[in-house]
Amino acid sequence: MSRPLRDEPKSYRLYLALYNLGLVYHWAFVVRGDEGTFLLDATVGDGQRRYRKRNWENDLSKQIMSVLCDVMDLRDDSGVEHFLHIAESAPMPGHDDQNFCQTWAEGVLRTAGGNGYTLRAPIDQIREIALQEASGYTDRKFGDPFKVIEPFNTPPV
């Protein structure tokens, strides 16, 4: 079900990325199109929760990434751009939500599913498998390849 990744993510695929931050996992997305490969996440800056888009090539956070979970086909550059718009315009969870990056990511997936994108599995299954794989990969050292989970054993939903 999973393999170490030594290459770049596939074009026009959406990956759920989990970063091991010790006691919790940070949830983000990795997406690749003709404009490059990007990390998308919900973060806190200057006391405000906000959406962030970063360049994959220059981002050190991929060095602490545990898993990439292949969750959706974005088809082409138009699909990538539409998904980026969905992610950027998704509501940010309130300050009382301690798992706001996960809540935001799951909300983006739900919105994308409602906008014609096909998830490779139900969100509950994506969450369960990604967390299970990430928690089983605790011996990863800085710079080791992260796991890519693909494909799911169920047909797309």
N, C-alpha and C. Protein backbone atom coordinates (compact mmCIF):
# COMPACT_ATOMS: atom_id res chain seq x y z
N MET A 1 0.82 -1.19 0.00
CA MET A 1 0.00 0.00 0.00
C MET A 1 0.86 1.26 0.00
N SER A 2 2.07 1.20 0.55
CA SER A 2 2.89 2.41 0.59
C SER A 2 4.29 2.09 0.13
N ARG A 3 5.01 3.13 -0.22
CA ARG A 3 6.38 3.00 -0.67
C ARG A 3 7.14 4.26 -0.33
N PRO A 4 8.46 4.18 -0.15
CA PRO A 4 9.23 5.40 0.05
C PRO A 4 9.23 6.22 -1.24
N LEU A 5 9.24 7.53 -1.13
CA LEU A 5 9.25 8.39 -2.29
C LEU A 5 10.63 8.99 -2.47
N ARG A 6 11.19 8.82 -3.63
CA ARG A 6 12.47 9.43 -3.94
C ARG A 6 12.33 10.40 -5.10
N ASP A 7 11.18 10.38 -5.77
CA ASP A 7 10.92 11.26 -6.89
C ASP A 7 9.94 12.34 -6.47
N GLU A 8 9.61 13.19 -7.40
CA GLU A 8 8.63 14.23 -7.15
C GLU A 8 7.22 13.64 -7.18
N PRO A 9 6.26 14.32 -6.53
CA PRO A 9 4.87 13.88 -6.64
C PRO A 9 4.43 13.89 -8.11
N LYS A 10 3.46 13.05 -8.43
CA LYS A 10 2.95 12.98 -9.80
C LYS A 10 2.19 14.24 -10.15
N SER A 11 2.23 14.59 -11.44
CA SER A 11 1.49 15.76 -11.92
C SER A 11 -0.02 15.56 -11.77
N TYR A 12 -0.68 16.65 -11.46
CA TYR A 12 -2.14 16.73 -11.39
C TYR A 12 -2.75 15.79 -10.36
N ARG A 13 -1.98 15.47 -9.33
CA ARG A 13 -2.49 14.66 -8.22
C ARG A 13 -2.53 15.55 -6.99
N LEU A 14 -3.50 15.28 -6.13
CA LEU A 14 -3.57 15.94 -4.84
C LEU A 14 -3.17 14.93 -3.78
N TYR A 15 -2.22 15.32 -2.95
CA TYR A 15 -1.76 14.47 -1.85
C TYR A 15 -2.08 15.16 -0.53
N LEU A 16 -2.56 14.38 0.42
CA LEU A 16 -2.67 14.84 1.80
C LEU A 16 -1.31 14.56 2.43
N ALA A 17 -0.71 15.57 3.03
CA ALA A 17 0.60 15.43 3.66
C ALA A 17 0.45 15.52 5.17
N LEU A 18 1.09 14.61 5.90
CA LEU A 18 1.11 14.66 7.36
C LEU A 18 2.54 14.84 7.82
N TYR A 19 2.75 15.85 8.67
CA TYR A 19 4.05 16.14 9.25
C TYR A 19 4.00 15.74 10.72
N ASN A 20 4.98 15.01 11.17
CA ASN A 20 5.04 14.61 12.57
C ASN A 20 5.64 15.75 13.37
N LEU A 21 4.83 16.36 14.21
CA LEU A 21 5.30 17.47 15.06
C LEU A 21 5.49 17.02 16.50
N GLY A 22 5.64 15.73 16.71
CA GLY A 22 5.83 15.22 18.06
C GLY A 22 4.55 14.58 18.57
N LEU A 23 3.72 15.37 19.23
CA LEU A 23 2.47 14.83 19.80
C LEU A 23 1.31 14.87 18.82
N VAL A 24 1.43 15.66 17.77
CA VAL A 24 0.35 15.80 16.79
C VAL A 24 0.93 15.79 15.38
N TYR A 25 0.04 15.63 14.40
CA TYR A 25 0.43 15.72 13.00
C TYR A 25 -0.14 17.01 12.42
N HIS A 26 0.68 17.70 11.66
CA HIS A 26 0.20 18.86 10.91
C HIS A 26 -0.29 18.35 9.56
N TRP A 27 -1.47 18.80 9.16
CA TRP A 27 -2.10 18.38 7.91
C TRP A 27 -1.91 19.45 6.85
N ALA A 28 -1.56 19.04 5.65
CA ALA A 28 -1.35 19.96 4.54
C ALA A 28 -1.67 19.21 3.24
N PHE A 29 -1.57 19.92 2.13
CA PHE A 29 -1.72 19.30 0.81
C PHE A 29 -0.46 19.55 0.00
N VAL A 30 -0.17 18.62 -0.89
CA VAL A 30 0.87 18.80 -1.91
C VAL A 30 0.16 18.63 -3.25
N VAL A 31 0.37 19.58 -4.15
CA VAL A 31 -0.27 19.54 -5.46
C VAL A 31 0.78 19.94 -6.50
N ARG A 32 0.73 19.25 -7.64
CA ARG A 32 1.69 19.54 -8.70
C ARG A 32 0.96 19.78 -10.01
N GLY A 33 1.32 20.89 -10.66
CA GLY A 33 0.78 21.24 -11.97
C GLY A 33 1.89 21.84 -12.81
N ASP A 34 1.54 22.43 -13.94
CA ASP A 34 2.54 23.02 -14.83
C ASP A 34 3.29 24.18 -14.19
N GLU A 35 2.68 24.85 -13.23
CA GLU A 35 3.32 25.98 -12.55
C GLU A 35 4.28 25.54 -11.46
N GLY A 36 4.36 24.25 -11.19
CA GLY A 36 5.26 23.75 -10.16
C GLY A 36 4.53 22.91 -9.13
N THR A 37 5.25 22.58 -8.07
CA THR A 37 4.70 21.78 -6.99
C THR A 37 4.59 22.67 -5.75
N PHE A 38 3.43 22.61 -5.08
CA PHE A 38 3.17 23.50 -3.95
C PHE A 38 2.70 22.73 -2.73
N LEU A 39 3.00 23.29 -1.57
CA LEU A 39 2.45 22.86 -0.29
C LEU A 39 1.37 23.85 0.08
N LEU A 40 0.22 23.37 0.50
CA LEU A 40 -0.90 24.22 0.91
C LEU A 40 -1.27 23.82 2.32
N ASP A 41 -1.45 24.80 3.20
CA ASP A 41 -1.87 24.44 4.55
C ASP A 41 -2.55 25.60 5.25
N ALA A 42 -3.10 25.28 6.42
CA ALA A 42 -3.67 26.28 7.32
C ALA A 42 -2.65 26.46 8.44
N THR A 43 -2.32 27.68 8.73
CA THR A 43 -1.27 27.94 9.71
C THR A 43 -1.63 29.16 10.55
N VAL A 44 -0.80 29.45 11.54
CA VAL A 44 -0.98 30.62 12.39
C VAL A 44 0.19 31.56 12.14
N GLY A 45 -0.13 32.80 11.85
CA GLY A 45 0.89 33.83 11.67
C GLY A 45 0.38 35.14 12.23
N ASP A 46 1.18 35.78 13.05
CA ASP A 46 0.77 37.05 13.67
C ASP A 46 -0.54 36.91 14.43
N GLY A 47 -0.74 35.75 15.06
CA GLY A 47 -1.93 35.52 15.86
C GLY A 47 -3.18 35.20 15.06
N GLN A 48 -3.05 35.15 13.72
CA GLN A 48 -4.19 34.88 12.86
C GLN A 48 -4.02 33.55 12.14
N ARG A 49 -5.09 32.79 12.05
CA ARG A 49 -5.08 31.56 11.25
C ARG A 49 -5.32 31.95 9.80
N ARG A 50 -4.54 31.33 8.91
CA ARG A 50 -4.66 31.71 7.51
C ARG A 50 -4.21 30.56 6.61
N TYR A 51 -4.61 30.66 5.36
CA TYR A 51 -4.20 29.75 4.30
C TYR A 51 -2.79 30.14 3.85
N ARG A 52 -1.98 29.13 3.49
CA ARG A 52 -0.62 29.42 3.02
C ARG A 52 -0.30 28.49 1.85
N LYS A 53 0.32 29.06 0.83
CA LYS A 53 0.79 28.31 -0.34
C LYS A 53 2.29 28.54 -0.44
N ARG A 54 3.04 27.42 -0.46
CA ARG A 54 4.51 27.54 -0.49
C ARG A 54 5.06 26.69 -1.63
N ASN A 55 6.24 27.07 -2.10
CA ASN A 55 6.91 26.33 -3.15
C ASN A 55 7.55 25.07 -2.58
N TRP A 56 7.26 23.92 -3.18
CA TRP A 56 7.77 22.63 -2.74
C TRP A 56 9.30 22.58 -2.78
N GLU A 57 9.88 23.11 -3.84
CA GLU A 57 11.33 22.99 -4.05
C GLU A 57 12.14 23.60 -2.92
N ASN A 58 11.67 24.70 -2.36
CA ASN A 58 12.45 25.43 -1.36
C ASN A 58 11.93 25.29 0.05
N ASP A 59 11.09 24.33 0.30
CA ASP A 59 10.46 24.21 1.61
C ASP A 59 11.08 23.10 2.41
N LEU A 60 11.67 23.44 3.53
CA LEU A 60 12.32 22.45 4.38
C LEU A 60 11.34 21.56 5.13
N SER A 61 10.07 21.95 5.22
CA SER A 61 9.12 21.14 5.97
C SER A 61 8.95 19.75 5.36
N LYS A 62 9.26 19.59 4.06
CA LYS A 62 9.15 18.25 3.48
C LYS A 62 10.18 17.30 4.09
N GLN A 63 11.17 17.85 4.79
CA GLN A 63 12.16 17.01 5.45
C GLN A 63 11.60 16.33 6.70
N ILE A 64 10.49 16.86 7.24
CA ILE A 64 9.87 16.24 8.42
C ILE A 64 8.52 15.61 8.08
N MET A 65 8.21 15.53 6.80
CA MET A 65 6.95 14.93 6.36
C MET A 65 6.98 13.43 6.60
N SER A 66 5.89 12.87 7.10
CA SER A 66 5.80 11.43 7.34
C SER A 66 5.21 10.70 6.15
N VAL A 67 4.05 11.16 5.68
CA VAL A 67 3.38 10.48 4.58
C VAL A 67 2.77 11.48 3.60
N LEU A 68 2.66 11.03 2.36
CA LEU A 68 1.84 11.68 1.35
C LEU A 68 0.78 10.66 0.97
N CYS A 69 -0.47 11.06 1.08
CA CYS A 69 -1.58 10.17 0.79
C CYS A 69 -2.27 10.67 -0.49
N ASP A 70 -2.17 9.89 -1.56
CA ASP A 70 -2.73 10.27 -2.85
C ASP A 70 -4.26 10.19 -2.77
N VAL A 71 -4.92 11.34 -2.76
CA VAL A 71 -6.36 11.36 -2.51
C VAL A 71 -7.23 11.79 -3.68
N MET A 72 -6.65 12.42 -4.73
CA MET A 72 -7.52 12.95 -5.76
C MET A 72 -6.76 13.23 -7.05
N ASP A 73 -7.43 13.00 -8.17
CA ASP A 73 -6.90 13.36 -9.48
C ASP A 73 -7.46 14.74 -9.84
N LEU A 74 -6.56 15.68 -10.11
CA LEU A 74 -6.99 17.04 -10.46
C LEU A 74 -7.08 17.24 -11.97
N ARG A 75 -6.77 16.22 -12.73
CA ARG A 75 -6.94 16.12 -14.18
C ARG A 75 -5.95 16.91 -15.01
N ASP A 76 -5.89 18.24 -14.81
CA ASP A 76 -5.05 19.10 -15.65
C ASP A 76 -4.79 20.41 -14.90
N ASP A 77 -4.11 21.36 -15.57
CA ASP A 77 -3.80 22.63 -14.91
C ASP A 77 -5.04 23.40 -14.49
N SER A 78 -6.11 23.31 -15.28
CA SER A 78 -7.35 23.97 -14.91
C SER A 78 -7.89 23.38 -13.60
N GLY A 79 -7.81 22.06 -13.45
CA GLY A 79 -8.24 21.40 -12.22
C GLY A 79 -7.39 21.80 -11.03
N VAL A 80 -6.08 21.95 -11.25
CA VAL A 80 -5.18 22.41 -10.19
C VAL A 80 -5.58 23.81 -9.75
N GLU A 81 -5.78 24.71 -10.71
CA GLU A 81 -6.15 26.09 -10.39
C GLU A 81 -7.48 26.17 -9.65
N HIS A 82 -8.45 25.37 -10.08
CA HIS A 82 -9.75 25.37 -9.40
C HIS A 82 -9.60 24.86 -7.98
N PHE A 83 -8.79 23.80 -7.78
CA PHE A 83 -8.57 23.30 -6.43
C PHE A 83 -7.87 24.34 -5.57
N LEU A 84 -6.88 25.03 -6.11
CA LEU A 84 -6.19 26.08 -5.34
C LEU A 84 -7.18 27.15 -4.89
N HIS A 85 -8.13 27.50 -5.76
CA HIS A 85 -9.16 28.47 -5.38
C HIS A 85 -10.04 27.94 -4.25
N ILE A 86 -10.42 26.67 -4.33
CA ILE A 86 -11.22 26.05 -3.26
C ILE A 86 -10.45 26.11 -1.94
N ALA A 87 -9.18 25.73 -1.96
CA ALA A 87 -8.37 25.72 -0.74
C ALA A 87 -8.21 27.12 -0.16
N GLU A 88 -7.95 28.08 -1.03
CA GLU A 88 -7.74 29.46 -0.57
C GLU A 88 -9.01 30.08 0.01
N SER A 89 -10.16 29.71 -0.52
CA SER A 89 -11.40 30.32 -0.07
C SER A 89 -12.12 29.51 1.01
N ALA A 90 -11.54 28.38 1.41
CA ALA A 90 -12.17 27.56 2.45
C ALA A 90 -12.19 28.30 3.78
N PRO A 91 -13.28 28.16 4.54
CA PRO A 91 -13.35 28.83 5.84
C PRO A 91 -12.27 28.30 6.79
N MET A 92 -11.71 29.19 7.56
CA MET A 92 -10.70 28.82 8.54
C MET A 92 -11.39 28.51 9.86
N PRO A 93 -11.09 27.36 10.46
CA PRO A 93 -11.70 27.00 11.75
C PRO A 93 -11.38 28.04 12.83
N GLY A 94 -12.28 28.13 13.82
CA GLY A 94 -12.11 29.09 14.92
C GLY A 94 -10.94 28.76 15.83
N HIS A 95 -10.60 29.70 16.68
CA HIS A 95 -9.45 29.56 17.58
C HIS A 95 -9.64 28.49 18.65
N ASP A 96 -10.88 28.03 18.85
CA ASP A 96 -11.12 26.98 19.83
C ASP A 96 -10.83 25.58 19.28
N ASP A 97 -10.59 25.47 17.97
CA ASP A 97 -10.31 24.19 17.32
C ASP A 97 -8.81 23.92 17.37
N GLN A 98 -8.40 22.99 18.23
CA GLN A 98 -6.98 22.67 18.40
C GLN A 98 -6.40 21.90 17.21
N ASN A 99 -7.26 21.26 16.44
CA ASN A 99 -6.83 20.51 15.25
C ASN A 99 -7.24 21.24 13.98
N PHE A 100 -7.08 22.55 13.99
CA PHE A 100 -7.62 23.37 12.90
C PHE A 100 -7.05 23.02 11.53
N CYS A 101 -5.78 22.59 11.45
CA CYS A 101 -5.23 22.25 10.14
C CYS A 101 -5.92 21.00 9.58
N GLN A 102 -6.23 20.04 10.43
CA GLN A 102 -6.96 18.84 10.01
C GLN A 102 -8.39 19.21 9.63
N THR A 103 -9.06 20.01 10.46
CA THR A 103 -10.43 20.44 10.18
C THR A 103 -10.49 21.18 8.85
N TRP A 104 -9.52 22.09 8.62
CA TRP A 104 -9.46 22.85 7.36
C TRP A 104 -9.27 21.89 6.19
N ALA A 105 -8.30 20.97 6.29
CA ALA A 105 -8.00 20.04 5.19
C ALA A 105 -9.22 19.17 4.86
N GLU A 106 -9.88 18.64 5.88
CA GLU A 106 -11.06 17.81 5.63
C GLU A 106 -12.18 18.64 5.01
N GLY A 107 -12.33 19.89 5.43
CA GLY A 107 -13.33 20.78 4.83
C GLY A 107 -13.03 21.05 3.36
N VAL A 108 -11.77 21.25 3.03
CA VAL A 108 -11.37 21.46 1.64
C VAL A 108 -11.69 20.22 0.81
N LEU A 109 -11.40 19.04 1.34
CA LEU A 109 -11.71 17.81 0.61
C LEU A 109 -13.22 17.67 0.39
N ARG A 110 -14.03 17.99 1.41
CA ARG A 110 -15.48 17.92 1.26
C ARG A 110 -15.97 18.89 0.18
N THR A 111 -15.45 20.12 0.22
CA THR A 111 -15.85 21.12 -0.77
C THR A 111 -15.43 20.69 -2.17
N ALA A 112 -14.22 20.17 -2.30
CA ALA A 112 -13.75 19.71 -3.61
C ALA A 112 -14.63 18.57 -4.11
N GLY A 113 -15.00 17.64 -3.22
CA GLY A 113 -15.88 16.54 -3.59
C GLY A 113 -17.24 17.04 -4.07
N GLY A 114 -17.72 18.13 -3.46
CA GLY A 114 -18.99 18.72 -3.86
C GLY A 114 -18.90 19.56 -5.12
N ASN A 115 -17.66 19.78 -5.60
CA ASN A 115 -17.43 20.57 -6.81
C ASN A 115 -16.93 19.72 -7.97
N GLY A 116 -17.28 18.44 -7.96
CA GLY A 116 -16.98 17.59 -9.10
C GLY A 116 -15.68 16.80 -9.03
N TYR A 117 -14.89 16.99 -8.01
CA TYR A 117 -13.68 16.18 -7.86
C TYR A 117 -14.03 14.85 -7.21
N THR A 118 -13.30 13.81 -7.55
CA THR A 118 -13.57 12.47 -7.03
C THR A 118 -12.49 12.07 -6.04
N LEU A 119 -12.88 11.89 -4.79
CA LEU A 119 -11.95 11.39 -3.78
C LEU A 119 -11.69 9.92 -4.03
N ARG A 120 -10.48 9.47 -3.75
CA ARG A 120 -10.13 8.05 -3.96
C ARG A 120 -10.70 7.16 -2.88
N ALA A 121 -11.17 7.75 -1.78
CA ALA A 121 -11.79 7.01 -0.68
C ALA A 121 -12.59 8.01 0.14
N PRO A 122 -13.51 7.54 0.99
CA PRO A 122 -14.21 8.45 1.89
C PRO A 122 -13.22 9.15 2.83
N ILE A 123 -13.55 10.36 3.25
CA ILE A 123 -12.65 11.14 4.10
C ILE A 123 -12.30 10.39 5.38
N ASP A 124 -13.26 9.70 5.99
CA ASP A 124 -12.96 8.93 7.21
C ASP A 124 -11.89 7.88 6.95
N GLN A 125 -11.96 7.22 5.81
CA GLN A 125 -10.97 6.20 5.48
C GLN A 125 -9.60 6.85 5.18
N ILE A 126 -9.61 7.96 4.47
CA ILE A 126 -8.36 8.69 4.20
C ILE A 126 -7.68 9.05 5.52
N ARG A 127 -8.47 9.61 6.45
CA ARG A 127 -7.94 10.01 7.75
C ARG A 127 -7.34 8.81 8.48
N GLU A 128 -8.11 7.73 8.54
CA GLU A 128 -7.68 6.55 9.28
C GLU A 128 -6.38 5.96 8.70
N ILE A 129 -6.34 5.80 7.39
CA ILE A 129 -5.16 5.19 6.75
C ILE A 129 -3.94 6.11 6.86
N ALA A 130 -4.13 7.40 6.62
CA ALA A 130 -3.00 8.33 6.70
C ALA A 130 -2.41 8.37 8.11
N LEU A 131 -3.27 8.44 9.12
CA LEU A 131 -2.78 8.48 10.50
C LEU A 131 -2.13 7.15 10.89
N GLN A 132 -2.72 6.05 10.45
CA GLN A 132 -2.15 4.73 10.76
C GLN A 132 -0.76 4.61 10.14
N GLU A 133 -0.61 4.98 8.88
CA GLU A 133 0.69 4.88 8.20
C GLU A 133 1.70 5.84 8.83
N ALA A 134 1.27 7.05 9.16
CA ALA A 134 2.18 8.03 9.74
C ALA A 134 2.65 7.57 11.12
N SER A 135 1.73 7.05 11.92
CA SER A 135 2.11 6.63 13.28
C SER A 135 3.03 5.41 13.25
N GLY A 136 2.98 4.63 12.18
CA GLY A 136 3.86 3.48 12.06
C GLY A 136 5.22 3.82 11.48
N TYR A 137 5.44 5.10 11.22
CA TYR A 137 6.68 5.55 10.58
C TYR A 137 7.42 6.53 11.50
N THR A 138 7.47 6.19 12.77
CA THR A 138 8.05 7.10 13.76
C THR A 138 9.57 7.08 13.80
N ASP A 139 10.19 6.09 13.16
CA ASP A 139 11.65 6.02 13.20
C ASP A 139 12.30 6.82 12.07
N ARG A 140 11.51 7.55 11.31
CA ARG A 140 12.03 8.36 10.21
C ARG A 140 12.95 9.44 10.75
N LYS A 141 14.09 9.59 10.11
CA LYS A 141 15.05 10.62 10.49
C LYS A 141 14.98 11.77 9.50
N PHE A 142 15.42 12.94 9.92
CA PHE A 142 15.41 14.14 9.09
C PHE A 142 16.03 13.80 7.73
N GLY A 143 15.29 14.07 6.67
CA GLY A 143 15.80 13.85 5.33
C GLY A 143 15.53 12.48 4.74
N ASP A 144 15.07 11.50 5.57
CA ASP A 144 14.71 10.19 5.03
C ASP A 144 13.53 10.35 4.08
N PRO A 145 13.39 9.43 3.10
CA PRO A 145 12.22 9.52 2.23
C PRO A 145 10.93 9.33 3.03
N PHE A 146 9.90 10.04 2.64
CA PHE A 146 8.61 9.86 3.29
C PHE A 146 7.84 8.79 2.54
N LYS A 147 6.76 8.30 3.15
CA LYS A 147 5.94 7.27 2.54
C LYS A 147 4.90 7.91 1.63
N VAL A 148 4.61 7.21 0.54
CA VAL A 148 3.50 7.59 -0.31
C VAL A 148 2.49 6.46 -0.25
N ILE A 149 1.26 6.79 0.09
CA ILE A 149 0.20 5.81 0.19
C ILE A 149 -0.61 5.88 -1.10
N GLU A 150 -0.52 4.80 -1.89
CA GLU A 150 -1.26 4.72 -3.14
C GLU A 150 -1.24 3.30 -3.63
N PRO A 151 -2.21 2.82 -4.29
CA PRO A 151 -3.56 3.40 -4.27
C PRO A 151 -4.35 2.81 -3.11
N PHE A 152 -5.52 3.33 -2.90
CA PHE A 152 -6.42 2.75 -1.92
C PHE A 152 -6.99 1.47 -2.49
N ASN A 153 -7.41 0.59 -1.63
CA ASN A 153 -7.95 -0.69 -2.08
C ASN A 153 -9.42 -0.63 -2.42
N THR A 154 -9.97 0.56 -2.45
CA THR A 154 -11.37 0.71 -2.78
C THR A 154 -11.50 1.57 -4.03
N PRO A 155 -12.56 1.41 -4.79
CA PRO A 155 -12.74 2.27 -5.96
C PRO A 155 -13.02 3.70 -5.53
N PRO A 156 -12.75 4.68 -6.40
CA PRO A 156 -13.04 6.07 -6.06
C PRO A 156 -14.50 6.26 -5.65
N VAL A 157 -14.74 7.23 -4.74
CA VAL A 157 -16.11 7.51 -4.30
C VAL A 157 -16.59 8.82 -4.90
